[in-house]
Amino acid sequence: MRRVIVNIDRLVLNGVRFEDRHVIAQGLQEQLTRLLSEPGMAERIGTIGNQSRVRVAPIHLSPKTTPHGVGTAAANSIGQGLNHE
């Protein structure tokens, strides 16, 4: 079993309410944990190696998206970026 360590040094949230920042970060963390725990993901990341950045597609949100949903959508986009590196 491989261990994956992810460090996010800075999370820039332009255009969101100050009060929502922790909920967005929580959604991001929870979904990244799920995605990175999937079978084979540690090996996939191992083939990519250390990266300072991962290119991700834009996130499209509806007006009804919750702050937690914003974090989840961001994590999903990161996961897709990791699968296409």
PDB file of N, CA and C in Angstrom:
ATOM      1  N   MET A   1       0.842  -1.171   0.000  1.00  0.00           N
ATOM      2  CA  MET A   1       0.000   0.000   0.000  1.00  0.00           C
ATOM      3  C   MET A   1       0.890   1.238   0.000  1.00  0.00           C
ATOM      4  N   ARG A   2       0.580   2.174  -0.869  1.00  0.00           N
ATOM      5  CA  ARG A   2       1.348   3.408  -0.960  1.00  0.00           C
ATOM      6  C   ARG A   2       0.638   4.507  -0.196  1.00  0.00           C
ATOM      7  N   ARG A   3       1.416   5.446   0.233  1.00  0.00           N
ATOM      8  CA  ARG A   3       0.869   6.581   0.964  1.00  0.00           C
ATOM      9  C   ARG A   3       1.018   7.830   0.100  1.00  0.00           C
ATOM     10  N   VAL A   4      -0.044   8.588   0.020  1.00  0.00           N
ATOM     11  CA  VAL A   4      -0.050   9.825  -0.756  1.00  0.00           C
ATOM     12  C   VAL A   4      -0.184  10.985   0.212  1.00  0.00           C
ATOM     13  N   ILE A   5       0.707  11.944   0.089  1.00  0.00           N
ATOM     14  CA  ILE A   5       0.644  13.143   0.916  1.00  0.00           C
ATOM     15  C   ILE A   5       0.424  14.329  -0.012  1.00  0.00           C
ATOM     16  N   VAL A   6      -0.616  15.076   0.254  1.00  0.00           N
ATOM     17  CA  VAL A   6      -0.943  16.255  -0.542  1.00  0.00           C
ATOM     18  C   VAL A   6      -0.813  17.474   0.345  1.00  0.00           C
ATOM     19  N   ASN A   7      -0.035  18.435  -0.111  1.00  0.00           N
ATOM     20  CA  ASN A   7       0.100  19.705   0.598  1.00  0.00           C
ATOM     21  C   ASN A   7      -0.475  20.802  -0.282  1.00  0.00           C
ATOM     22  N   ILE A   8      -1.449  21.492   0.245  1.00  0.00           N
ATOM     23  CA  ILE A   8      -1.990  22.660  -0.441  1.00  0.00           C
ATOM     24  C   ILE A   8      -1.527  23.861   0.369  1.00  0.00           C
ATOM     25  N   ASP A   9      -0.529  24.548  -0.163  1.00  0.00           N
ATOM     26  CA  ASP A   9       0.049  25.670   0.567  1.00  0.00           C
ATOM     27  C   ASP A   9      -0.867  26.878   0.611  1.00  0.00           C
ATOM     28  N   ARG A  10      -1.619  27.057  -0.476  1.00  0.00           N
ATOM     29  CA  ARG A  10      -2.464  28.242  -0.543  1.00  0.00           C
ATOM     30  C   ARG A  10      -3.691  27.909  -1.373  1.00  0.00           C
ATOM     31  N   LEU A  11      -4.826  28.320  -0.889  1.00  0.00           N
ATOM     32  CA  LEU A  11      -6.084  28.147  -1.603  1.00  0.00           C
ATOM     33  C   LEU A  11      -6.668  29.535  -1.815  1.00  0.00           C
ATOM     34  N   VAL A  12      -6.686  29.969  -3.061  1.00  0.00           N
ATOM     35  CA  VAL A  12      -7.174  31.305  -3.390  1.00  0.00           C
ATOM     36  C   VAL A  12      -8.628  31.193  -3.806  1.00  0.00           C
ATOM     37  N   LEU A  13      -9.488  31.900  -3.113  1.00  0.00           N
ATOM     38  CA  LEU A  13     -10.925  31.848  -3.365  1.00  0.00           C
ATOM     39  C   LEU A  13     -11.420  33.240  -3.729  1.00  0.00           C
ATOM     40  N   ASN A  14     -11.263  33.598  -4.969  1.00  0.00           N
ATOM     41  CA  ASN A  14     -11.735  34.904  -5.437  1.00  0.00           C
ATOM     42  C   ASN A  14     -13.234  34.856  -5.673  1.00  0.00           C
ATOM     43  N   GLY A  15     -13.915  35.887  -5.249  1.00  0.00           N
ATOM     44  CA  GLY A  15     -15.338  36.012  -5.526  1.00  0.00           C
ATOM     45  C   GLY A  15     -16.258  35.209  -4.629  1.00  0.00           C
ATOM     46  N   VAL A  16     -15.747  34.684  -3.532  1.00  0.00           N
ATOM     47  CA  VAL A  16     -16.609  33.953  -2.600  1.00  0.00           C
ATOM     48  C   VAL A  16     -16.713  34.724  -1.291  1.00  0.00           C
ATOM     49  N   ARG A  17     -17.786  34.484  -0.590  1.00  0.00           N
ATOM     50  CA  ARG A  17     -17.974  35.158   0.691  1.00  0.00           C
ATOM     51  C   ARG A  17     -16.945  34.669   1.703  1.00  0.00           C
ATOM     52  N   PHE A  18     -16.440  35.589   2.489  1.00  0.00           N
ATOM     53  CA  PHE A  18     -15.443  35.282   3.517  1.00  0.00           C
ATOM     54  C   PHE A  18     -15.939  34.175   4.435  1.00  0.00           C
ATOM     55  N   GLU A  19     -17.232  34.210   4.754  1.00  0.00           N
ATOM     56  CA  GLU A  19     -17.811  33.228   5.682  1.00  0.00           C
ATOM     57  C   GLU A  19     -17.820  31.811   5.114  1.00  0.00           C
ATOM     58  N   ASP A  20     -17.721  31.675   3.801  1.00  0.00           N
ATOM     59  CA  ASP A  20     -17.825  30.361   3.149  1.00  0.00           C
ATOM     60  C   ASP A  20     -16.480  29.652   2.985  1.00  0.00           C
ATOM     61  N   ARG A  21     -15.391  30.308   3.289  1.00  0.00           N
ATOM     62  CA  ARG A  21     -14.072  29.759   2.966  1.00  0.00           C
ATOM     63  C   ARG A  21     -13.793  28.421   3.636  1.00  0.00           C
ATOM     64  N   HIS A  22     -14.194  28.269   4.890  1.00  0.00           N
ATOM     65  CA  HIS A  22     -13.902  27.012   5.594  1.00  0.00           C
ATOM     66  C   HIS A  22     -14.752  25.859   5.050  1.00  0.00           C
ATOM     67  N   VAL A  23     -15.988  26.137   4.687  1.00  0.00           N
ATOM     68  CA  VAL A  23     -16.862  25.091   4.148  1.00  0.00           C
ATOM     69  C   VAL A  23     -16.367  24.657   2.769  1.00  0.00           C
ATOM     70  N   ILE A  24     -15.915  25.597   1.955  1.00  0.00           N
ATOM     71  CA  ILE A  24     -15.357  25.260   0.644  1.00  0.00           C
ATOM     72  C   ILE A  24     -14.114  24.391   0.823  1.00  0.00           C
ATOM     73  N   ALA A  25     -13.227  24.792   1.712  1.00  0.00           N
ATOM     74  CA  ALA A  25     -12.013  24.011   1.970  1.00  0.00           C
ATOM     75  C   ALA A  25     -12.354  22.613   2.489  1.00  0.00           C
ATOM     76  N   GLN A  26     -13.377  22.503   3.322  1.00  0.00           N
ATOM     77  CA  GLN A  26     -13.794  21.200   3.843  1.00  0.00           C
ATOM     78  C   GLN A  26     -14.300  20.307   2.711  1.00  0.00           C
ATOM     79  N   GLY A  27     -15.123  20.856   1.818  1.00  0.00           N
ATOM     80  CA  GLY A  27     -15.612  20.078   0.678  1.00  0.00           C
ATOM     81  C   GLY A  27     -14.470  19.612  -0.201  1.00  0.00           C
ATOM     82  N   LEU A  28     -13.490  20.484  -0.411  1.00  0.00           N
ATOM     83  CA  LEU A  28     -12.310  20.139  -1.207  1.00  0.00           C
ATOM     84  C   LEU A  28     -11.541  19.002  -0.556  1.00  0.00           C
ATOM     85  N   GLN A  29     -11.293  19.130   0.734  1.00  0.00           N
ATOM     86  CA  GLN A  29     -10.527  18.114   1.459  1.00  0.00           C
ATOM     87  C   GLN A  29     -11.246  16.758   1.466  1.00  0.00           C
ATOM     88  N   GLU A  30     -12.529  16.761   1.761  1.00  0.00           N
ATOM     89  CA  GLU A  30     -13.279  15.504   1.830  1.00  0.00           C
ATOM     90  C   GLU A  30     -13.295  14.791   0.479  1.00  0.00           C
ATOM     91  N   GLN A  31     -13.542  15.535  -0.601  1.00  0.00           N
ATOM     92  CA  GLN A  31     -13.620  14.893  -1.914  1.00  0.00           C
ATOM     93  C   GLN A  31     -12.245  14.444  -2.399  1.00  0.00           C
ATOM     94  N   LEU A  32     -11.201  15.238  -2.135  1.00  0.00           N
ATOM     95  CA  LEU A  32      -9.859  14.794  -2.513  1.00  0.00           C
ATOM     96  C   LEU A  32      -9.485  13.524  -1.768  1.00  0.00           C
ATOM     97  N   THR A  33      -9.864  13.446  -0.507  1.00  0.00           N
ATOM     98  CA  THR A  33      -9.589  12.229   0.266  1.00  0.00           C
ATOM     99  C   THR A  33     -10.260  11.029  -0.381  1.00  0.00           C
ATOM    100  N   ARG A  34     -11.528  11.190  -0.789  1.00  0.00           N
ATOM    101  CA  ARG A  34     -12.237  10.094  -1.467  1.00  0.00           C
ATOM    102  C   ARG A  34     -11.547   9.712  -2.770  1.00  0.00           C
ATOM    103  N   LEU A  35     -11.248  10.717  -3.579  1.00  0.00           N
ATOM    104  CA  LEU A  35     -10.656  10.448  -4.890  1.00  0.00           C
ATOM    105  C   LEU A  35      -9.279   9.809  -4.783  1.00  0.00           C
ATOM    106  N   LEU A  36      -8.468  10.303  -3.858  1.00  0.00           N
ATOM    107  CA  LEU A  36      -7.112   9.780  -3.728  1.00  0.00           C
ATOM    108  C   LEU A  36      -7.074   8.430  -3.039  1.00  0.00           C
ATOM    109  N   SER A  37      -8.190   8.021  -2.447  1.00  0.00           N
ATOM    110  CA  SER A  37      -8.279   6.713  -1.803  1.00  0.00           C
ATOM    111  C   SER A  37      -8.748   5.627  -2.761  1.00  0.00           C
ATOM    112  N   GLU A  38      -9.124   6.003  -3.972  1.00  0.00           N
ATOM    113  CA  GLU A  38      -9.612   5.014  -4.933  1.00  0.00           C
ATOM    114  C   GLU A  38      -8.495   4.049  -5.308  1.00  0.00           C
ATOM    115  N   PRO A  39      -8.849   2.787  -5.551  1.00  0.00           N
ATOM    116  CA  PRO A  39      -7.837   1.800  -5.937  1.00  0.00           C
ATOM    117  C   PRO A  39      -7.060   2.258  -7.168  1.00  0.00           C
ATOM    118  N   GLY A  40      -5.751   2.144  -7.100  1.00  0.00           N
ATOM    119  CA  GLY A  40      -4.895   2.488  -8.222  1.00  0.00           C
ATOM    120  C   GLY A  40      -4.470   3.949  -8.285  1.00  0.00           C
ATOM    121  N   MET A  41      -5.102   4.811  -7.506  1.00  0.00           N
ATOM    122  CA  MET A  41      -4.763   6.230  -7.600  1.00  0.00           C
ATOM    123  C   MET A  41      -3.351   6.502  -7.077  1.00  0.00           C
ATOM    124  N   ALA A  42      -2.925   5.853  -6.009  1.00  0.00           N
ATOM    125  CA  ALA A  42      -1.570   6.074  -5.488  1.00  0.00           C
ATOM    126  C   ALA A  42      -0.527   5.695  -6.533  1.00  0.00           C
ATOM    127  N   GLU A  43      -0.757   4.592  -7.225  1.00  0.00           N
ATOM    128  CA  GLU A  43       0.166   4.172  -8.267  1.00  0.00           C
ATOM    129  C   GLU A  43       0.161   5.168  -9.425  1.00  0.00           C
ATOM    130  N   ARG A  44      -1.025   5.665  -9.763  1.00  0.00           N
ATOM    131  CA  ARG A  44      -1.144   6.656 -10.840  1.00  0.00           C
ATOM    132  C   ARG A  44      -0.361   7.917 -10.493  1.00  0.00           C
ATOM    133  N   ILE A  45      -0.506   8.377  -9.269  1.00  0.00           N
ATOM    134  CA  ILE A  45       0.213   9.568  -8.835  1.00  0.00           C
ATOM    135  C   ILE A  45       1.712   9.290  -8.810  1.00  0.00           C
ATOM    136  N   GLY A  46       2.080   8.072  -8.447  1.00  0.00           N
ATOM    137  CA  GLY A  46       3.489   7.697  -8.438  1.00  0.00           C
ATOM    138  C   GLY A  46       4.132   7.782  -9.810  1.00  0.00           C
ATOM    139  N   THR A  47       3.365   7.498 -10.845  1.00  0.00           N
ATOM    140  CA  THR A  47       3.912   7.592 -12.204  1.00  0.00           C
ATOM    141  C   THR A  47       4.036   9.049 -12.652  1.00  0.00           C
ATOM    142  N   ILE A  48       3.230   9.916 -12.076  1.00  0.00           N
ATOM    143  CA  ILE A  48       3.294  11.341 -12.418  1.00  0.00           C
ATOM    144  C   ILE A  48       4.511  11.982 -11.757  1.00  0.00           C
ATOM    145  N   GLY A  49       4.804  11.599 -10.516  1.00  0.00           N
ATOM    146  CA  GLY A  49       5.912  12.181  -9.781  1.00  0.00           C
ATOM    147  C   GLY A  49       5.514  13.475  -9.096  1.00  0.00           C
ATOM    148  N   ASN A  50       6.504  14.157  -8.552  1.00  0.00           N
ATOM    149  CA  ASN A  50       6.246  15.423  -7.864  1.00  0.00           C
ATOM    150  C   ASN A  50       5.877  16.497  -8.872  1.00  0.00           C
ATOM    151  N   GLN A  51       4.835  17.212  -8.567  1.00  0.00           N
ATOM    152  CA  GLN A  51       4.403  18.312  -9.407  1.00  0.00           C
ATOM    153  C   GLN A  51       4.067  19.504  -8.539  1.00  0.00           C
ATOM    154  N   SER A  52       4.455  20.673  -9.002  1.00  0.00           N
ATOM    155  CA  SER A  52       4.102  21.863  -8.255  1.00  0.00           C
ATOM    156  C   SER A  52       2.717  22.360  -8.648  1.00  0.00           C
ATOM    157  N   ARG A  53       2.231  21.936  -9.832  1.00  0.00           N
ATOM    158  CA  ARG A  53       0.910  22.341 -10.304  1.00  0.00           C
ATOM    159  C   ARG A  53       0.266  21.215 -11.094  1.00  0.00           C
ATOM    160  N   VAL A  54      -1.040  21.211 -11.048  1.00  0.00           N
ATOM    161  CA  VAL A  54      -1.830  20.283 -11.861  1.00  0.00           C
ATOM    162  C   VAL A  54      -2.806  21.128 -12.661  1.00  0.00           C
ATOM    163  N   ARG A  55      -2.797  20.967 -13.965  1.00  0.00           N
ATOM    164  CA  ARG A  55      -3.747  21.709 -14.805  1.00  0.00           C
ATOM    165  C   ARG A  55      -5.131  21.093 -14.647  1.00  0.00           C
ATOM    166  N   VAL A  56      -6.096  21.952 -14.425  1.00  0.00           N
ATOM    167  CA  VAL A  56      -7.470  21.480 -14.267  1.00  0.00           C
ATOM    168  C   VAL A  56      -8.396  22.273 -15.182  1.00  0.00           C
ATOM    169  N   ALA A  57      -9.488  21.643 -15.521  1.00  0.00           N
ATOM    170  CA  ALA A  57     -10.500  22.295 -16.349  1.00  0.00           C
ATOM    171  C   ALA A  57     -11.280  23.288 -15.508  1.00  0.00           C
ATOM    172  N   PRO A  58     -11.871  24.280 -16.134  1.00  0.00           N
ATOM    173  CA  PRO A  58     -12.721  25.220 -15.389  1.00  0.00           C
ATOM    174  C   PRO A  58     -13.887  24.488 -14.716  1.00  0.00           C
ATOM    175  N   ILE A  59     -14.325  25.033 -13.617  1.00  0.00           N
ATOM    176  CA  ILE A  59     -15.442  24.464 -12.877  1.00  0.00           C
ATOM    177  C   ILE A  59     -16.688  25.274 -13.224  1.00  0.00           C
ATOM    178  N   HIS A  60     -17.730  24.593 -13.627  1.00  0.00           N
ATOM    179  CA  HIS A  60     -18.988  25.255 -13.948  1.00  0.00           C
ATOM    180  C   HIS A  60     -19.984  24.977 -12.831  1.00  0.00           C
ATOM    181  N   LEU A  61     -20.464  26.035 -12.204  1.00  0.00           N
ATOM    182  CA  LEU A  61     -21.360  25.911 -11.061  1.00  0.00           C
ATOM    183  C   LEU A  61     -22.697  26.553 -11.375  1.00  0.00           C
ATOM    184  N   SER A  62     -23.729  26.014 -10.764  1.00  0.00           N
ATOM    185  CA  SER A  62     -25.047  26.635 -10.900  1.00  0.00           C
ATOM    186  C   SER A  62     -25.220  27.631  -9.756  1.00  0.00           C
ATOM    187  N   PRO A  63     -26.173  28.538  -9.892  1.00  0.00           N
ATOM    188  CA  PRO A  63     -26.419  29.489  -8.794  1.00  0.00           C
ATOM    189  C   PRO A  63     -26.823  28.806  -7.489  1.00  0.00           C
ATOM    190  N   LYS A  64     -27.297  27.578  -7.571  1.00  0.00           N
ATOM    191  CA  LYS A  64     -27.740  26.852  -6.372  1.00  0.00           C
ATOM    192  C   LYS A  64     -26.627  26.025  -5.729  1.00  0.00           C
ATOM    193  N   THR A  65     -25.421  26.057  -6.282  1.00  0.00           N
ATOM    194  CA  THR A  65     -24.326  25.277  -5.722  1.00  0.00           C
ATOM    195  C   THR A  65     -23.967  25.802  -4.334  1.00  0.00           C
ATOM    196  N   THR A  66     -23.903  24.902  -3.382  1.00  0.00           N
ATOM    197  CA  THR A  66     -23.546  25.274  -2.012  1.00  0.00           C
ATOM    198  C   THR A  66     -22.031  25.488  -1.907  1.00  0.00           C
ATOM    199  N   PRO A  67     -21.573  26.173  -0.871  1.00  0.00           N
ATOM    200  CA  PRO A  67     -20.124  26.311  -0.690  1.00  0.00           C
ATOM    201  C   PRO A  67     -19.418  24.949  -0.610  1.00  0.00           C
ATOM    202  N   HIS A  68     -20.024  23.992   0.064  1.00  0.00           N
ATOM    203  CA  HIS A  68     -19.439  22.648   0.126  1.00  0.00           C
ATOM    204  C   HIS A  68     -19.358  22.056  -1.278  1.00  0.00           C
ATOM    205  N   GLY A  69     -20.375  22.289  -2.076  1.00  0.00           N
ATOM    206  CA  GLY A  69     -20.389  21.804  -3.457  1.00  0.00           C
ATOM    207  C   GLY A  69     -19.311  22.445  -4.312  1.00  0.00           C
ATOM    208  N   VAL A  70     -18.960  23.695  -4.015  1.00  0.00           N
ATOM    209  CA  VAL A  70     -17.865  24.360  -4.734  1.00  0.00           C
ATOM    210  C   VAL A  70     -16.560  23.613  -4.467  1.00  0.00           C
ATOM    211  N   GLY A  71     -16.303  23.283  -3.210  1.00  0.00           N
ATOM    212  CA  GLY A  71     -15.100  22.531  -2.853  1.00  0.00           C
ATOM    213  C   GLY A  71     -15.075  21.157  -3.483  1.00  0.00           C
ATOM    214  N   THR A  72     -16.228  20.490  -3.486  1.00  0.00           N
ATOM    215  CA  THR A  72     -16.326  19.167  -4.098  1.00  0.00           C
ATOM    216  C   THR A  72     -16.057  19.242  -5.593  1.00  0.00           C
ATOM    217  N   ALA A  73     -16.631  20.239  -6.257  1.00  0.00           N
ATOM    218  CA  ALA A  73     -16.418  20.399  -7.703  1.00  0.00           C
ATOM    219  C   ALA A  73     -14.950  20.681  -8.010  1.00  0.00           C
ATOM    220  N   ALA A  74     -14.316  21.503  -7.183  1.00  0.00           N
ATOM    221  CA  ALA A  74     -12.891  21.796  -7.374  1.00  0.00           C
ATOM    222  C   ALA A  74     -12.060  20.518  -7.232  1.00  0.00           C
ATOM    223  N   ALA A  75     -12.370  19.711  -6.231  1.00  0.00           N
ATOM    224  CA  ALA A  75     -11.645  18.447  -6.035  1.00  0.00           C
ATOM    225  C   ALA A  75     -11.858  17.513  -7.209  1.00  0.00           C
ATOM    226  N   ASN A  76     -13.064  17.433  -7.727  1.00  0.00           N
ATOM    227  CA  ASN A  76     -13.331  16.577  -8.882  1.00  0.00           C
ATOM    228  C   ASN A  76     -12.520  17.027 -10.086  1.00  0.00           C
ATOM    229  N   SER A  77     -12.394  18.325 -10.264  1.00  0.00           N
ATOM    230  CA  SER A  77     -11.605  18.841 -11.374  1.00  0.00           C
ATOM    231  C   SER A  77     -10.127  18.493 -11.188  1.00  0.00           C
ATOM    232  N   ILE A  78      -9.634  18.578  -9.974  1.00  0.00           N
ATOM    233  CA  ILE A  78      -8.259  18.186  -9.689  1.00  0.00           C
ATOM    234  C   ILE A  78      -8.069  16.702  -9.978  1.00  0.00           C
ATOM    235  N   GLY A  79      -9.029  15.885  -9.546  1.00  0.00           N
ATOM    236  CA  GLY A  79      -8.954  14.450  -9.806  1.00  0.00           C
ATOM    237  C   GLY A  79      -8.903  14.132 -11.289  1.00  0.00           C
ATOM    238  N   GLN A  80      -9.698  14.826 -12.064  1.00  0.00           N
ATOM    239  CA  GLN A  80      -9.673  14.631 -13.517  1.00  0.00           C
ATOM    240  C   GLN A  80      -8.318  15.073 -14.094  1.00  0.00           C
ATOM    241  N   GLY A  81      -7.778  16.153 -13.553  1.00  0.00           N
ATOM    242  CA  GLY A  81      -6.467  16.610 -14.006  1.00  0.00           C
ATOM    243  C   GLY A  81      -5.389  15.588 -13.712  1.00  0.00           C
ATOM    244  N   LEU A  82      -5.457  14.935 -12.576  1.00  0.00           N
ATOM    245  CA  LEU A  82      -4.486  13.895 -12.235  1.00  0.00           C
ATOM    246  C   LEU A  82      -4.604  12.686 -13.149  1.00  0.00           C
ATOM    247  N   ASN A  83      -5.808  12.376 -13.565  1.00  0.00           N
ATOM    248  CA  ASN A  83      -6.023  11.227 -14.445  1.00  0.00           C
ATOM    249  C   ASN A  83      -5.584  11.487 -15.878  1.00  0.00           C
ATOM    250  N   HIS A  84      -5.387  12.760 -16.231  1.00  0.00           N
ATOM    251  CA  HIS A  84      -5.013  13.077 -17.604  1.00  0.00           C
ATOM    252  C   HIS A  84      -3.570  13.533 -17.739  1.00  0.00           C
ATOM    253  N   GLU A  85      -2.815  13.512 -16.674  1.00  0.00           N
ATOM    254  CA  GLU A  85      -1.399  13.924 -16.733  1.00  0.00           C
ATOM    255  C   GLU A  85      -0.595  12.859 -17.409  1.00  0.00           C
TER     256      GLU A  85
END
